[in-house]
Amino acid sequence: MKISSITCPNCGASYEVAESLSAAGRPGRAECTICGAFLADWREPRLRAFRLIVAPENKYPRVPPSPPA
């Protein structure tokens, strides 16, 4: 099992991706469950699962760096 993470380029939702290295799957495509944007596609016959970890409305806002003193 290979675990990685991916962020939606449109809304910023964070996903965890689990990819089986032993179970057979089929080519596929994943879309964001929040906004429907394209996340990934694959041609190799591997089983992949995408799990939403943090929705964009639950992320901390970006804090700008403090000005030099």
PDB file of N, CA and C in Angstrom:
ATOM      1  N   MET A   1       0.855  -1.171   0.000  1.00  0.00           N
ATOM      2  CA  MET A   1       0.000   0.000   0.000  1.00  0.00           C
ATOM      3  C   MET A   1       0.901   1.234   0.000  1.00  0.00           C
ATOM      4  N   LYS A   2       0.589   2.144  -0.878  1.00  0.00           N
ATOM      5  CA  LYS A   2       1.322   3.410  -0.970  1.00  0.00           C
ATOM      6  C   LYS A   2       0.347   4.523  -0.606  1.00  0.00           C
ATOM      7  N   ILE A   3       0.731   5.373   0.328  1.00  0.00           N
ATOM      8  CA  ILE A   3      -0.110   6.482   0.783  1.00  0.00           C
ATOM      9  C   ILE A   3       0.557   7.794   0.363  1.00  0.00           C
ATOM     10  N   SER A   4      -0.231   8.685  -0.227  1.00  0.00           N
ATOM     11  CA  SER A   4       0.268  10.005  -0.601  1.00  0.00           C
ATOM     12  C   SER A   4      -0.833  11.028  -0.368  1.00  0.00           C
ATOM     13  N   SER A   5      -0.530  12.271  -0.617  1.00  0.00           N
ATOM     14  CA  SER A   5      -1.542  13.319  -0.446  1.00  0.00           C
ATOM     15  C   SER A   5      -1.596  14.167  -1.703  1.00  0.00           C
ATOM     16  N   ILE A   6      -2.753  14.815  -1.892  1.00  0.00           N
ATOM     17  CA  ILE A   6      -2.981  15.655  -3.056  1.00  0.00           C
ATOM     18  C   ILE A   6      -3.909  16.790  -2.635  1.00  0.00           C
ATOM     19  N   THR A   7      -3.741  17.945  -3.245  1.00  0.00           N
ATOM     20  CA  THR A   7      -4.581  19.101  -2.962  1.00  0.00           C
ATOM     21  C   THR A   7      -5.302  19.510  -4.236  1.00  0.00           C
ATOM     22  N   CYS A   8      -6.580  19.808  -4.119  1.00  0.00           N
ATOM     23  CA  CYS A   8      -7.362  20.243  -5.274  1.00  0.00           C
ATOM     24  C   CYS A   8      -6.815  21.583  -5.762  1.00  0.00           C
ATOM     25  N   PRO A   9      -6.482  21.689  -7.041  1.00  0.00           N
ATOM     26  CA  PRO A   9      -5.947  22.949  -7.556  1.00  0.00           C
ATOM     27  C   PRO A   9      -6.994  24.053  -7.647  1.00  0.00           C
ATOM     28  N   ASN A  10      -8.265  23.701  -7.580  1.00  0.00           N
ATOM     29  CA  ASN A  10      -9.322  24.690  -7.709  1.00  0.00           C
ATOM     30  C   ASN A  10      -9.762  25.257  -6.360  1.00  0.00           C
ATOM     31  N   CYS A  11     -10.114  24.399  -5.411  1.00  0.00           N
ATOM     32  CA  CYS A  11     -10.666  24.885  -4.135  1.00  0.00           C
ATOM     33  C   CYS A  11      -9.728  24.715  -2.953  1.00  0.00           C
ATOM     34  N   GLY A  12      -8.666  23.914  -3.093  1.00  0.00           N
ATOM     35  CA  GLY A  12      -7.701  23.744  -2.011  1.00  0.00           C
ATOM     36  C   GLY A  12      -8.023  22.626  -1.042  1.00  0.00           C
ATOM     37  N   ALA A  13      -9.032  21.798  -1.321  1.00  0.00           N
ATOM     38  CA  ALA A  13      -9.347  20.674  -0.442  1.00  0.00           C
ATOM     39  C   ALA A  13      -8.171  19.697  -0.424  1.00  0.00           C
ATOM     40  N   SER A  14      -7.904  19.109   0.745  1.00  0.00           N
ATOM     41  CA  SER A  14      -6.792  18.168   0.886  1.00  0.00           C
ATOM     42  C   SER A  14      -7.318  16.736   0.907  1.00  0.00           C
ATOM     43  N   TYR A  15      -6.646  15.862   0.165  1.00  0.00           N
ATOM     44  CA  TYR A  15      -7.026  14.456   0.070  1.00  0.00           C
ATOM     45  C   TYR A  15      -5.852  13.561   0.418  1.00  0.00           C
ATOM     46  N   GLU A  16      -6.159  12.382   0.950  1.00  0.00           N
ATOM     47  CA  GLU A  16      -5.194  11.324   1.137  1.00  0.00           C
ATOM     48  C   GLU A  16      -5.504  10.279   0.070  1.00  0.00           C
ATOM     49  N   VAL A  17      -4.468   9.772  -0.594  1.00  0.00           N
ATOM     50  CA  VAL A  17      -4.642   8.792  -1.660  1.00  0.00           C
ATOM     51  C   VAL A  17      -3.971   7.497  -1.237  1.00  0.00           C
ATOM     52  N   ALA A  18      -4.744   6.402  -1.244  1.00  0.00           N
ATOM     53  CA  ALA A  18      -4.208   5.073  -0.951  1.00  0.00           C
ATOM     54  C   ALA A  18      -4.182   4.294  -2.259  1.00  0.00           C
ATOM     55  N   GLU A  19      -3.014   3.764  -2.597  1.00  0.00           N
ATOM     56  CA  GLU A  19      -2.853   3.012  -3.843  1.00  0.00           C
ATOM     57  C   GLU A  19      -2.375   1.608  -3.498  1.00  0.00           C
ATOM     58  N   SER A  20      -3.141   0.616  -3.915  1.00  0.00           N
ATOM     59  CA  SER A  20      -2.767  -0.774  -3.667  1.00  0.00           C
ATOM     60  C   SER A  20      -1.709  -1.198  -4.669  1.00  0.00           C
ATOM     61  N   LEU A  21      -0.662  -1.814  -4.173  1.00  0.00           N
ATOM     62  CA  LEU A  21       0.393  -2.306  -5.052  1.00  0.00           C
ATOM     63  C   LEU A  21       0.170  -3.768  -5.415  1.00  0.00           C
ATOM     64  N   SER A  22      -0.796  -4.427  -4.739  1.00  0.00           N
ATOM     65  CA  SER A  22      -1.025  -5.845  -5.007  1.00  0.00           C
ATOM     66  C   SER A  22      -2.417  -6.139  -5.580  1.00  0.00           C
ATOM     67  N   ALA A  23      -3.431  -5.390  -5.186  1.00  0.00           N
ATOM     68  CA  ALA A  23      -4.788  -5.647  -5.676  1.00  0.00           C
ATOM     69  C   ALA A  23      -4.961  -5.053  -7.066  1.00  0.00           C
ATOM     70  N   ALA A  24      -5.593  -5.811  -7.934  1.00  0.00           N
ATOM     71  CA  ALA A  24      -5.834  -5.333  -9.294  1.00  0.00           C
ATOM     72  C   ALA A  24      -6.985  -4.336  -9.305  1.00  0.00           C
ATOM     73  N   GLY A  25      -6.851  -3.350 -10.111  1.00  0.00           N
ATOM     74  CA  GLY A  25      -7.894  -2.345 -10.277  1.00  0.00           C
ATOM     75  C   GLY A  25      -8.088  -2.103 -11.759  1.00  0.00           C
ATOM     76  N   ARG A  26      -8.446  -0.893 -12.112  1.00  0.00           N
ATOM     77  CA  ARG A  26      -8.583  -0.531 -13.519  1.00  0.00           C
ATOM     78  C   ARG A  26      -8.244   0.946 -13.681  1.00  0.00           C
ATOM     79  N   PRO A  27      -7.961   1.363 -14.896  1.00  0.00           N
ATOM     80  CA  PRO A  27      -7.690   2.780 -15.121  1.00  0.00           C
ATOM     81  C   PRO A  27      -8.860   3.627 -14.626  1.00  0.00           C
ATOM     82  N   GLY A  28      -8.576   4.849 -14.228  1.00  0.00           N
ATOM     83  CA  GLY A  28      -9.654   5.677 -13.715  1.00  0.00           C
ATOM     84  C   GLY A  28      -9.318   7.149 -13.659  1.00  0.00           C
ATOM     85  N   ARG A  29     -10.210   7.878 -13.012  1.00  0.00           N
ATOM     86  CA  ARG A  29     -10.114   9.333 -12.902  1.00  0.00           C
ATOM     87  C   ARG A  29     -10.726   9.723 -11.564  1.00  0.00           C
ATOM     88  N   ALA A  30     -10.172  10.743 -10.920  1.00  0.00           N
ATOM     89  CA  ALA A  30     -10.704  11.235  -9.652  1.00  0.00           C
ATOM     90  C   ALA A  30     -11.032  12.714  -9.776  1.00  0.00           C
ATOM     91  N   GLU A  31     -12.147  13.093  -9.169  1.00  0.00           N
ATOM     92  CA  GLU A  31     -12.575  14.495  -9.147  1.00  0.00           C
ATOM     93  C   GLU A  31     -12.803  14.917  -7.709  1.00  0.00           C
ATOM     94  N   CYS A  32     -12.661  16.193  -7.452  1.00  0.00           N
ATOM     95  CA  CYS A  32     -12.852  16.759  -6.120  1.00  0.00           C
ATOM     96  C   CYS A  32     -14.324  16.613  -5.707  1.00  0.00           C
ATOM     97  N   THR A  33     -14.553  16.118  -4.496  1.00  0.00           N
ATOM     98  CA  THR A  33     -15.924  15.953  -4.010  1.00  0.00           C
ATOM     99  C   THR A  33     -16.532  17.283  -3.581  1.00  0.00           C
ATOM    100  N   ILE A  34     -15.711  18.309  -3.414  1.00  0.00           N
ATOM    101  CA  ILE A  34     -16.207  19.626  -3.005  1.00  0.00           C
ATOM    102  C   ILE A  34     -16.633  20.450  -4.219  1.00  0.00           C
ATOM    103  N   CYS A  35     -15.740  20.582  -5.207  1.00  0.00           N
ATOM    104  CA  CYS A  35     -16.021  21.470  -6.344  1.00  0.00           C
ATOM    105  C   CYS A  35     -16.120  20.758  -7.688  1.00  0.00           C
ATOM    106  N   GLY A  36     -15.772  19.484  -7.754  1.00  0.00           N
ATOM    107  CA  GLY A  36     -15.874  18.724  -8.995  1.00  0.00           C
ATOM    108  C   GLY A  36     -14.690  18.880  -9.934  1.00  0.00           C
ATOM    109  N   ALA A  37     -13.650  19.584  -9.517  1.00  0.00           N
ATOM    110  CA  ALA A  37     -12.470  19.788 -10.372  1.00  0.00           C
ATOM    111  C   ALA A  37     -11.684  18.484 -10.530  1.00  0.00           C
ATOM    112  N   PHE A  38     -10.938  18.393 -11.608  1.00  0.00           N
ATOM    113  CA  PHE A  38     -10.090  17.242 -11.897  1.00  0.00           C
ATOM    114  C   PHE A  38      -8.964  17.145 -10.869  1.00  0.00           C
ATOM    115  N   LEU A  39      -8.757  15.944 -10.305  1.00  0.00           N
ATOM    116  CA  LEU A  39      -7.652  15.717  -9.369  1.00  0.00           C
ATOM    117  C   LEU A  39      -6.543  14.882 -10.007  1.00  0.00           C
ATOM    118  N   ALA A  40      -6.918  13.748 -10.580  1.00  0.00           N
ATOM    119  CA  ALA A  40      -5.905  12.849 -11.143  1.00  0.00           C
ATOM    120  C   ALA A  40      -6.562  11.834 -12.064  1.00  0.00           C
ATOM    121  N   ASP A  41      -5.745  11.278 -12.957  1.00  0.00           N
ATOM    122  CA  ASP A  41      -6.184  10.124 -13.728  1.00  0.00           C
ATOM    123  C   ASP A  41      -5.001   9.172 -13.836  1.00  0.00           C
ATOM    124  N   TRP A  42      -5.281   7.905 -14.102  1.00  0.00           N
ATOM    125  CA  TRP A  42      -4.236   6.908 -14.192  1.00  0.00           C
ATOM    126  C   TRP A  42      -4.646   5.856 -15.220  1.00  0.00           C
ATOM    127  N   ARG A  43      -3.634   5.322 -15.882  1.00  0.00           N
ATOM    128  CA  ARG A  43      -3.875   4.325 -16.920  1.00  0.00           C
ATOM    129  C   ARG A  43      -3.508   2.917 -16.465  1.00  0.00           C
ATOM    130  N   GLU A  44      -2.637   2.806 -15.487  1.00  0.00           N
ATOM    131  CA  GLU A  44      -2.230   1.491 -15.022  1.00  0.00           C
ATOM    132  C   GLU A  44      -3.362   0.844 -14.198  1.00  0.00           C
ATOM    133  N   PRO A  45      -3.473  -0.466 -14.231  1.00  0.00           N
ATOM    134  CA  PRO A  45      -4.570  -1.147 -13.529  1.00  0.00           C
ATOM    135  C   PRO A  45      -4.307  -1.288 -12.026  1.00  0.00           C
ATOM    136  N   ARG A  46      -4.370  -0.189 -11.326  1.00  0.00           N
ATOM    137  CA  ARG A  46      -4.162  -0.200  -9.874  1.00  0.00           C
ATOM    138  C   ARG A  46      -5.400   0.312  -9.166  1.00  0.00           C
ATOM    139  N   LEU A  47      -5.639  -0.225  -8.003  1.00  0.00           N
ATOM    140  CA  LEU A  47      -6.767   0.191  -7.186  1.00  0.00           C
ATOM    141  C   LEU A  47      -6.354   1.417  -6.375  1.00  0.00           C
ATOM    142  N   ARG A  48      -7.099   2.511  -6.504  1.00  0.00           N
ATOM    143  CA  ARG A  48      -6.799   3.746  -5.775  1.00  0.00           C
ATOM    144  C   ARG A  48      -8.041   4.238  -5.057  1.00  0.00           C
ATOM    145  N   ALA A  49      -7.837   4.810  -3.881  1.00  0.00           N
ATOM    146  CA  ALA A  49      -8.939   5.379  -3.104  1.00  0.00           C
ATOM    147  C   ALA A  49      -8.532   6.781  -2.663  1.00  0.00           C
ATOM    148  N   PHE A  50      -9.430   7.742  -2.841  1.00  0.00           N
ATOM    149  CA  PHE A  50      -9.196   9.134  -2.460  1.00  0.00           C
ATOM    150  C   PHE A  50     -10.101   9.456  -1.279  1.00  0.00           C
ATOM    151  N   ARG A  51      -9.524  10.006  -0.206  1.00  0.00           N
ATOM    152  CA  ARG A  51     -10.313  10.358   0.976  1.00  0.00           C
ATOM    153  C   ARG A  51     -10.103  11.830   1.312  1.00  0.00           C
ATOM    154  N   LEU A  52     -11.204  12.560   1.443  1.00  0.00           N
ATOM    155  CA  LEU A  52     -11.133  13.975   1.815  1.00  0.00           C
ATOM    156  C   LEU A  52     -10.631  14.081   3.247  1.00  0.00           C
ATOM    157  N   ILE A  53      -9.582  14.849   3.449  1.00  0.00           N
ATOM    158  CA  ILE A  53      -8.997  15.036   4.777  1.00  0.00           C
ATOM    159  C   ILE A  53      -9.431  16.372   5.366  1.00  0.00           C
ATOM    160  N   VAL A  54      -9.268  17.460   4.601  1.00  0.00           N
ATOM    161  CA  VAL A  54      -9.627  18.797   5.083  1.00  0.00           C
ATOM    162  C   VAL A  54     -10.323  19.561   3.959  1.00  0.00           C
ATOM    163  N   ALA A  55     -11.566  19.966   4.240  1.00  0.00           N
ATOM    164  CA  ALA A  55     -12.294  20.801   3.296  1.00  0.00           C
ATOM    165  C   ALA A  55     -11.721  22.217   3.335  1.00  0.00           C
ATOM    166  N   PRO A  56     -11.813  22.965   2.246  1.00  0.00           N
ATOM    167  CA  PRO A  56     -11.200  24.303   2.210  1.00  0.00           C
ATOM    168  C   PRO A  56     -11.729  25.246   3.285  1.00  0.00           C
ATOM    169  N   GLU A  57     -12.981  25.128   3.661  1.00  0.00           N
ATOM    170  CA  GLU A  57     -13.516  26.036   4.684  1.00  0.00           C
ATOM    171  C   GLU A  57     -12.991  25.722   6.084  1.00  0.00           C
ATOM    172  N   ASN A  58     -12.346  24.564   6.260  1.00  0.00           N
ATOM    173  CA  ASN A  58     -11.793  24.202   7.564  1.00  0.00           C
ATOM    174  C   ASN A  58     -10.284  24.399   7.649  1.00  0.00           C
ATOM    175  N   LYS A  59      -9.674  24.868   6.584  1.00  0.00           N
ATOM    176  CA  LYS A  59      -8.230  25.108   6.600  1.00  0.00           C
ATOM    177  C   LYS A  59      -7.930  26.432   7.301  1.00  0.00           C
ATOM    178  N   TYR A  60      -6.749  26.503   7.857  1.00  0.00           N
ATOM    179  CA  TYR A  60      -6.311  27.769   8.448  1.00  0.00           C
ATOM    180  C   TYR A  60      -6.023  28.762   7.325  1.00  0.00           C
ATOM    181  N   PRO A  61      -6.375  30.023   7.513  1.00  0.00           N
ATOM    182  CA  PRO A  61      -6.051  31.009   6.478  1.00  0.00           C
ATOM    183  C   PRO A  61      -4.545  31.236   6.421  1.00  0.00           C
ATOM    184  N   ARG A  62      -4.069  31.589   5.253  1.00  0.00           N
ATOM    185  CA  ARG A  62      -2.642  31.910   5.114  1.00  0.00           C
ATOM    186  C   ARG A  62      -2.316  33.171   5.872  1.00  0.00           C
ATOM    187  N   VAL A  63      -1.244  33.120   6.625  1.00  0.00           N
ATOM    188  CA  VAL A  63      -0.812  34.282   7.387  1.00  0.00           C
ATOM    189  C   VAL A  63       0.391  34.880   6.654  1.00  0.00           C
ATOM    190  N   PRO A  64       0.303  36.167   6.295  1.00  0.00           N
ATOM    191  CA  PRO A  64       1.440  36.774   5.604  1.00  0.00           C
ATOM    192  C   PRO A  64       2.640  36.895   6.549  1.00  0.00           C
ATOM    193  N   PRO A  65       3.842  36.827   6.002  1.00  0.00           N
ATOM    194  CA  PRO A  65       5.017  36.983   6.865  1.00  0.00           C
ATOM    195  C   PRO A  65       5.073  38.368   7.474  1.00  0.00           C
ATOM    196  N   SER A  66       5.622  38.439   8.654  1.00  0.00           N
ATOM    197  CA  SER A  66       5.723  39.737   9.305  1.00  0.00           C
ATOM    198  C   SER A  66       6.763  40.598   8.606  1.00  0.00           C
ATOM    199  N   PRO A  67       6.555  41.925   8.599  1.00  0.00           N
ATOM    200  CA  PRO A  67       7.508  42.819   7.931  1.00  0.00           C
ATOM    201  C   PRO A  67       8.844  42.813   8.660  1.00  0.00           C
ATOM    202  N   PRO A  68       9.922  43.065   7.924  1.00  0.00           N
ATOM    203  CA  PRO A  68      11.244  43.112   8.570  1.00  0.00           C
ATOM    204  C   PRO A  68      11.300  44.251   9.595  1.00  0.00           C
ATOM    205  N   ALA A  69      12.014  43.979  10.645  1.00  0.00           N
ATOM    206  CA  ALA A  69      12.116  44.977  11.725  1.00  0.00           C
ATOM    207  C   ALA A  69      13.165  46.018  11.469  1.00  0.00           C
TER     208      ALA A  69
END
